[in-house]
């Protein structure tokens, strides 16, 4: 089972930029409708890695990582890496995320 572990510190807190936070939950496959590889990709996005470095770290082609990124965007309803990171961070912080009904 893959868990989001963006820049873990020795205290168990995570680092994003100059800040640290202790998530109240872990992101596991199925959460937010994401697969294990999509979660792994999102984890590396949270570490602020460019897609090329994500591909190297995952030992995949840049094209495959771009496919994971596009699926993430579609499933999360966002258009940017920042949007995906905001949703993941909100989820990890324990915020209750409610999908919007786009039919209205």
N, C-alpha and C. Protein backbone atom coordinates (compact mmCIF):
# COMPACT_ATOMS: atom_id res chain seq x y z
N UNK A 1 0.85 -1.17 0.00
CA UNK A 1 0.00 0.00 0.00
C UNK A 1 0.90 1.24 0.00
N UNK A 2 0.67 2.16 -0.93
CA UNK A 2 1.43 3.40 -1.03
C UNK A 2 0.77 4.48 -0.20
N UNK A 3 1.58 5.23 0.49
CA UNK A 3 1.07 6.35 1.27
C UNK A 3 1.78 7.62 0.83
N UNK A 4 1.08 8.74 0.91
CA UNK A 4 1.72 10.02 0.63
C UNK A 4 2.68 10.31 1.75
N UNK A 5 3.93 10.58 1.42
CA UNK A 5 4.94 10.83 2.44
C UNK A 5 5.83 11.98 2.01
N UNK A 6 5.26 13.10 1.67
CA UNK A 6 6.05 14.20 1.13
C UNK A 6 7.04 14.73 2.15
N UNK A 7 8.31 14.57 1.88
CA UNK A 7 9.40 15.10 2.69
C UNK A 7 9.18 14.89 4.18
N UNK A 8 9.15 13.64 4.59
CA UNK A 8 8.96 13.33 6.01
C UNK A 8 10.17 13.79 6.81
N UNK A 9 9.92 14.34 8.00
CA UNK A 9 10.99 14.68 8.93
C UNK A 9 11.07 13.57 9.97
N UNK A 10 12.08 13.63 10.82
CA UNK A 10 12.24 12.59 11.83
C UNK A 10 11.09 12.60 12.84
N UNK A 11 10.40 13.71 13.02
CA UNK A 11 9.29 13.78 13.96
C UNK A 11 7.99 13.27 13.36
N UNK A 12 7.99 12.89 12.07
CA UNK A 12 6.77 12.42 11.41
C UNK A 12 6.03 13.53 10.70
N UNK A 13 6.47 14.76 10.88
CA UNK A 13 5.84 15.89 10.19
C UNK A 13 6.29 15.87 8.73
N UNK A 14 5.55 16.56 7.89
CA UNK A 14 5.91 16.69 6.48
C UNK A 14 6.34 18.12 6.21
N UNK A 15 7.21 18.26 5.24
CA UNK A 15 7.74 19.55 4.88
C UNK A 15 7.23 19.94 3.50
N UNK A 16 6.73 21.16 3.39
CA UNK A 16 6.38 21.75 2.09
C UNK A 16 6.98 23.14 2.11
N UNK A 17 7.96 23.35 1.22
CA UNK A 17 8.65 24.64 1.22
C UNK A 17 9.33 24.87 2.56
N UNK A 18 9.06 26.02 3.16
CA UNK A 18 9.66 26.37 4.46
C UNK A 18 8.81 25.93 5.63
N UNK A 19 7.73 25.21 5.38
CA UNK A 19 6.76 24.90 6.42
C UNK A 19 6.70 23.41 6.71
N UNK A 20 6.25 23.09 7.91
CA UNK A 20 6.06 21.73 8.35
C UNK A 20 4.63 21.56 8.81
N UNK A 21 4.07 20.37 8.60
CA UNK A 21 2.75 20.08 9.15
C UNK A 21 2.68 18.58 9.44
N UNK A 22 1.81 18.23 10.37
CA UNK A 22 1.59 16.84 10.73
C UNK A 22 0.22 16.44 10.21
N UNK A 23 0.16 15.64 9.14
CA UNK A 23 -1.15 15.27 8.59
C UNK A 23 -1.96 14.43 9.57
N UNK A 24 -3.26 14.60 9.51
CA UNK A 24 -4.14 13.86 10.41
C UNK A 24 -4.55 12.53 9.79
N UNK A 25 -4.22 12.29 8.53
CA UNK A 25 -4.54 11.02 7.87
C UNK A 25 -3.54 10.75 6.77
N UNK A 26 -3.61 9.54 6.23
CA UNK A 26 -2.77 9.12 5.12
C UNK A 26 -3.64 8.93 3.89
N UNK A 27 -3.08 9.15 2.74
CA UNK A 27 -3.80 8.93 1.48
C UNK A 27 -3.43 7.54 0.97
N UNK A 28 -4.42 6.70 0.80
CA UNK A 28 -4.20 5.32 0.35
C UNK A 28 -5.00 5.08 -0.93
N UNK A 29 -4.61 4.07 -1.73
CA UNK A 29 -5.35 3.79 -2.97
C UNK A 29 -6.85 3.70 -2.73
N UNK A 30 -7.59 4.36 -3.60
CA UNK A 30 -9.04 4.42 -3.48
C UNK A 30 -9.51 5.77 -2.93
N UNK A 31 -8.70 6.40 -2.08
CA UNK A 31 -9.05 7.73 -1.59
C UNK A 31 -9.08 8.71 -2.75
N UNK A 32 -10.08 9.54 -2.76
CA UNK A 32 -10.27 10.55 -3.82
C UNK A 32 -10.35 9.89 -5.20
N UNK A 33 -10.59 8.58 -5.24
CA UNK A 33 -10.72 7.86 -6.50
C UNK A 33 -9.39 7.60 -7.20
N UNK A 34 -8.28 7.68 -6.48
CA UNK A 34 -6.95 7.57 -7.09
C UNK A 34 -6.38 6.16 -6.97
N UNK A 35 -5.60 5.78 -8.00
CA UNK A 35 -4.90 4.50 -8.00
C UNK A 35 -3.59 4.64 -7.22
N UNK A 36 -2.94 3.52 -6.98
CA UNK A 36 -1.66 3.52 -6.26
C UNK A 36 -0.61 4.36 -7.00
N UNK A 37 -0.51 4.22 -8.32
CA UNK A 37 0.50 4.99 -9.08
C UNK A 37 0.15 6.47 -9.13
N UNK A 38 -1.14 6.80 -9.18
CA UNK A 38 -1.55 8.21 -9.15
C UNK A 38 -1.20 8.82 -7.80
N UNK A 39 -1.36 8.05 -6.72
CA UNK A 39 -0.99 8.54 -5.40
C UNK A 39 0.52 8.74 -5.31
N UNK A 40 1.27 7.81 -5.87
CA UNK A 40 2.73 7.95 -5.88
C UNK A 40 3.14 9.21 -6.65
N UNK A 41 2.48 9.46 -7.78
CA UNK A 41 2.76 10.67 -8.56
C UNK A 41 2.41 11.91 -7.75
N UNK A 42 1.26 11.90 -7.09
CA UNK A 42 0.83 13.04 -6.28
C UNK A 42 1.80 13.27 -5.12
N UNK A 43 2.29 12.20 -4.52
CA UNK A 43 3.28 12.31 -3.46
C UNK A 43 4.50 13.10 -3.95
N UNK A 44 4.98 12.77 -5.12
CA UNK A 44 6.17 13.44 -5.66
C UNK A 44 5.86 14.87 -6.09
N UNK A 45 4.64 15.13 -6.52
CA UNK A 45 4.22 16.51 -6.80
C UNK A 45 4.27 17.33 -5.52
N UNK A 46 3.83 16.72 -4.41
CA UNK A 46 3.86 17.42 -3.12
C UNK A 46 5.29 17.71 -2.66
N UNK A 47 6.25 16.93 -3.15
CA UNK A 47 7.65 17.20 -2.84
C UNK A 47 8.22 18.28 -3.75
N UNK A 48 7.38 18.85 -4.60
CA UNK A 48 7.73 19.94 -5.52
C UNK A 48 8.73 19.51 -6.60
N UNK A 49 8.66 18.25 -7.00
CA UNK A 49 9.55 17.78 -8.06
C UNK A 49 8.95 18.08 -9.42
N UNK A 50 9.77 18.49 -10.40
CA UNK A 50 9.28 18.64 -11.76
C UNK A 50 8.96 17.26 -12.35
N UNK A 51 8.10 17.24 -13.36
CA UNK A 51 7.66 15.97 -13.94
C UNK A 51 8.83 15.10 -14.41
N UNK A 52 9.87 15.71 -14.95
CA UNK A 52 11.02 14.93 -15.42
C UNK A 52 11.67 14.17 -14.26
N UNK A 53 11.81 14.83 -13.10
CA UNK A 53 12.39 14.16 -11.94
C UNK A 53 11.44 13.11 -11.37
N UNK A 54 10.15 13.37 -11.45
CA UNK A 54 9.16 12.38 -11.01
C UNK A 54 9.32 11.12 -11.87
N UNK A 55 9.46 11.30 -13.19
CA UNK A 55 9.64 10.16 -14.09
C UNK A 55 10.90 9.37 -13.72
N UNK A 56 11.99 10.07 -13.43
CA UNK A 56 13.23 9.41 -13.05
C UNK A 56 13.05 8.64 -11.74
N UNK A 57 12.42 9.27 -10.75
CA UNK A 57 12.24 8.64 -9.44
C UNK A 57 11.35 7.41 -9.54
N UNK A 58 10.32 7.48 -10.39
CA UNK A 58 9.39 6.35 -10.54
C UNK A 58 9.90 5.33 -11.56
N UNK A 59 11.01 5.66 -12.23
CA UNK A 59 11.60 4.82 -13.27
C UNK A 59 10.60 4.55 -14.39
N UNK A 60 9.97 5.64 -14.85
CA UNK A 60 8.98 5.60 -15.91
C UNK A 60 9.34 6.65 -16.95
N UNK A 61 8.70 6.57 -18.12
CA UNK A 61 8.91 7.59 -19.13
C UNK A 61 8.16 8.86 -18.72
N UNK A 62 8.61 9.97 -19.24
CA UNK A 62 7.94 11.25 -18.99
C UNK A 62 6.51 11.19 -19.52
N UNK A 63 6.30 10.50 -20.64
CA UNK A 63 4.96 10.35 -21.21
C UNK A 63 4.01 9.63 -20.23
N UNK A 64 4.51 8.57 -19.58
CA UNK A 64 3.68 7.82 -18.62
C UNK A 64 3.33 8.69 -17.42
N UNK A 65 4.29 9.44 -16.91
CA UNK A 65 4.03 10.32 -15.77
C UNK A 65 3.04 11.41 -16.17
N UNK A 66 3.16 11.93 -17.39
CA UNK A 66 2.20 12.92 -17.87
C UNK A 66 0.80 12.32 -17.92
N UNK A 67 0.69 11.06 -18.28
CA UNK A 67 -0.61 10.38 -18.29
C UNK A 67 -1.18 10.31 -16.87
N UNK A 68 -0.34 9.93 -15.88
CA UNK A 68 -0.78 9.91 -14.49
C UNK A 68 -1.24 11.30 -14.06
N UNK A 69 -0.49 12.32 -14.46
CA UNK A 69 -0.84 13.70 -14.10
C UNK A 69 -2.19 14.08 -14.70
N UNK A 70 -2.43 13.76 -15.97
CA UNK A 70 -3.71 14.08 -16.60
C UNK A 70 -4.87 13.36 -15.92
N UNK A 71 -4.65 12.10 -15.53
CA UNK A 71 -5.69 11.35 -14.81
C UNK A 71 -5.98 11.98 -13.45
N UNK A 72 -4.91 12.40 -12.77
CA UNK A 72 -5.08 13.10 -11.49
C UNK A 72 -5.95 14.34 -11.68
N UNK A 73 -5.61 15.15 -12.66
CA UNK A 73 -6.36 16.37 -12.93
C UNK A 73 -7.83 16.05 -13.16
N UNK A 74 -8.08 15.03 -13.98
CA UNK A 74 -9.46 14.66 -14.30
C UNK A 74 -10.21 14.19 -13.05
N UNK A 75 -9.60 13.30 -12.29
CA UNK A 75 -10.26 12.75 -11.11
C UNK A 75 -10.47 13.79 -10.01
N UNK A 76 -9.54 14.72 -9.87
CA UNK A 76 -9.64 15.74 -8.83
C UNK A 76 -10.39 16.99 -9.31
N UNK A 77 -10.62 17.09 -10.62
CA UNK A 77 -11.33 18.24 -11.17
C UNK A 77 -10.52 19.52 -11.14
N UNK A 78 -9.20 19.39 -11.35
CA UNK A 78 -8.31 20.56 -11.34
C UNK A 78 -7.62 20.70 -12.69
N UNK A 79 -6.96 21.84 -12.87
CA UNK A 79 -6.25 22.10 -14.13
C UNK A 79 -4.76 22.33 -13.97
N UNK A 80 -4.27 22.32 -12.73
CA UNK A 80 -2.86 22.62 -12.48
C UNK A 80 -2.29 21.69 -11.41
N UNK A 81 -0.95 21.60 -11.38
CA UNK A 81 -0.28 20.85 -10.32
C UNK A 81 -0.58 21.47 -8.96
N UNK A 82 -0.66 22.80 -8.92
CA UNK A 82 -0.97 23.49 -7.66
C UNK A 82 -2.35 23.09 -7.16
N UNK A 83 -3.31 22.99 -8.06
CA UNK A 83 -4.66 22.58 -7.66
C UNK A 83 -4.66 21.18 -7.07
N UNK A 84 -3.92 20.26 -7.68
CA UNK A 84 -3.83 18.89 -7.17
C UNK A 84 -3.18 18.89 -5.79
N UNK A 85 -2.13 19.70 -5.62
CA UNK A 85 -1.45 19.78 -4.33
C UNK A 85 -2.36 20.36 -3.25
N UNK A 86 -3.18 21.35 -3.60
CA UNK A 86 -4.11 21.94 -2.63
C UNK A 86 -5.10 20.88 -2.14
N UNK A 87 -5.67 20.11 -3.05
CA UNK A 87 -6.64 19.09 -2.66
C UNK A 87 -5.97 18.03 -1.79
N UNK A 88 -4.79 17.56 -2.17
CA UNK A 88 -4.09 16.55 -1.38
C UNK A 88 -3.75 17.07 0.01
N UNK A 89 -3.27 18.30 0.08
CA UNK A 89 -2.91 18.88 1.37
C UNK A 89 -4.14 19.06 2.25
N UNK A 90 -5.24 19.52 1.66
CA UNK A 90 -6.48 19.67 2.42
C UNK A 90 -6.94 18.32 2.95
N UNK A 91 -6.86 17.29 2.12
CA UNK A 91 -7.26 15.95 2.54
C UNK A 91 -6.37 15.46 3.69
N UNK A 92 -5.07 15.62 3.54
CA UNK A 92 -4.13 15.18 4.57
C UNK A 92 -4.31 15.95 5.88
N UNK A 93 -4.78 17.19 5.77
CA UNK A 93 -5.01 18.02 6.96
C UNK A 93 -6.32 17.66 7.65
N UNK A 94 -7.08 16.77 7.05
CA UNK A 94 -8.32 16.32 7.68
C UNK A 94 -9.55 17.11 7.28
N UNK A 95 -9.44 17.94 6.26
CA UNK A 95 -10.60 18.70 5.80
C UNK A 95 -11.58 17.76 5.11
N UNK A 96 -12.85 17.98 5.33
CA UNK A 96 -13.89 17.19 4.67
C UNK A 96 -14.11 17.75 3.27
N UNK A 97 -13.69 17.02 2.27
CA UNK A 97 -13.84 17.45 0.89
C UNK A 97 -15.12 16.87 0.32
N UNK A 98 -15.99 17.70 -0.20
CA UNK A 98 -17.25 17.26 -0.76
C UNK A 98 -17.27 17.57 -2.26
N UNK A 99 -17.43 16.53 -3.09
CA UNK A 99 -17.49 16.79 -4.55
C UNK A 99 -18.69 17.70 -4.87
N UNK A 100 -18.50 18.61 -5.79
CA UNK A 100 -19.57 19.49 -6.24
C UNK A 100 -20.42 18.78 -7.29
N UNK A 101 -21.69 19.05 -7.30
CA UNK A 101 -22.57 18.51 -8.32
C UNK A 101 -22.50 19.47 -9.52
N UNK A 102 -21.83 19.05 -10.59
CA UNK A 102 -21.64 19.91 -11.75
C UNK A 102 -22.88 19.98 -12.64
N UNK A 103 -23.95 19.27 -12.27
CA UNK A 103 -25.15 19.26 -13.08
C UNK A 103 -25.93 20.57 -12.96
N UNK A 104 -25.68 21.32 -11.90
CA UNK A 104 -26.44 22.55 -11.68
C UNK A 104 -25.97 23.68 -12.55
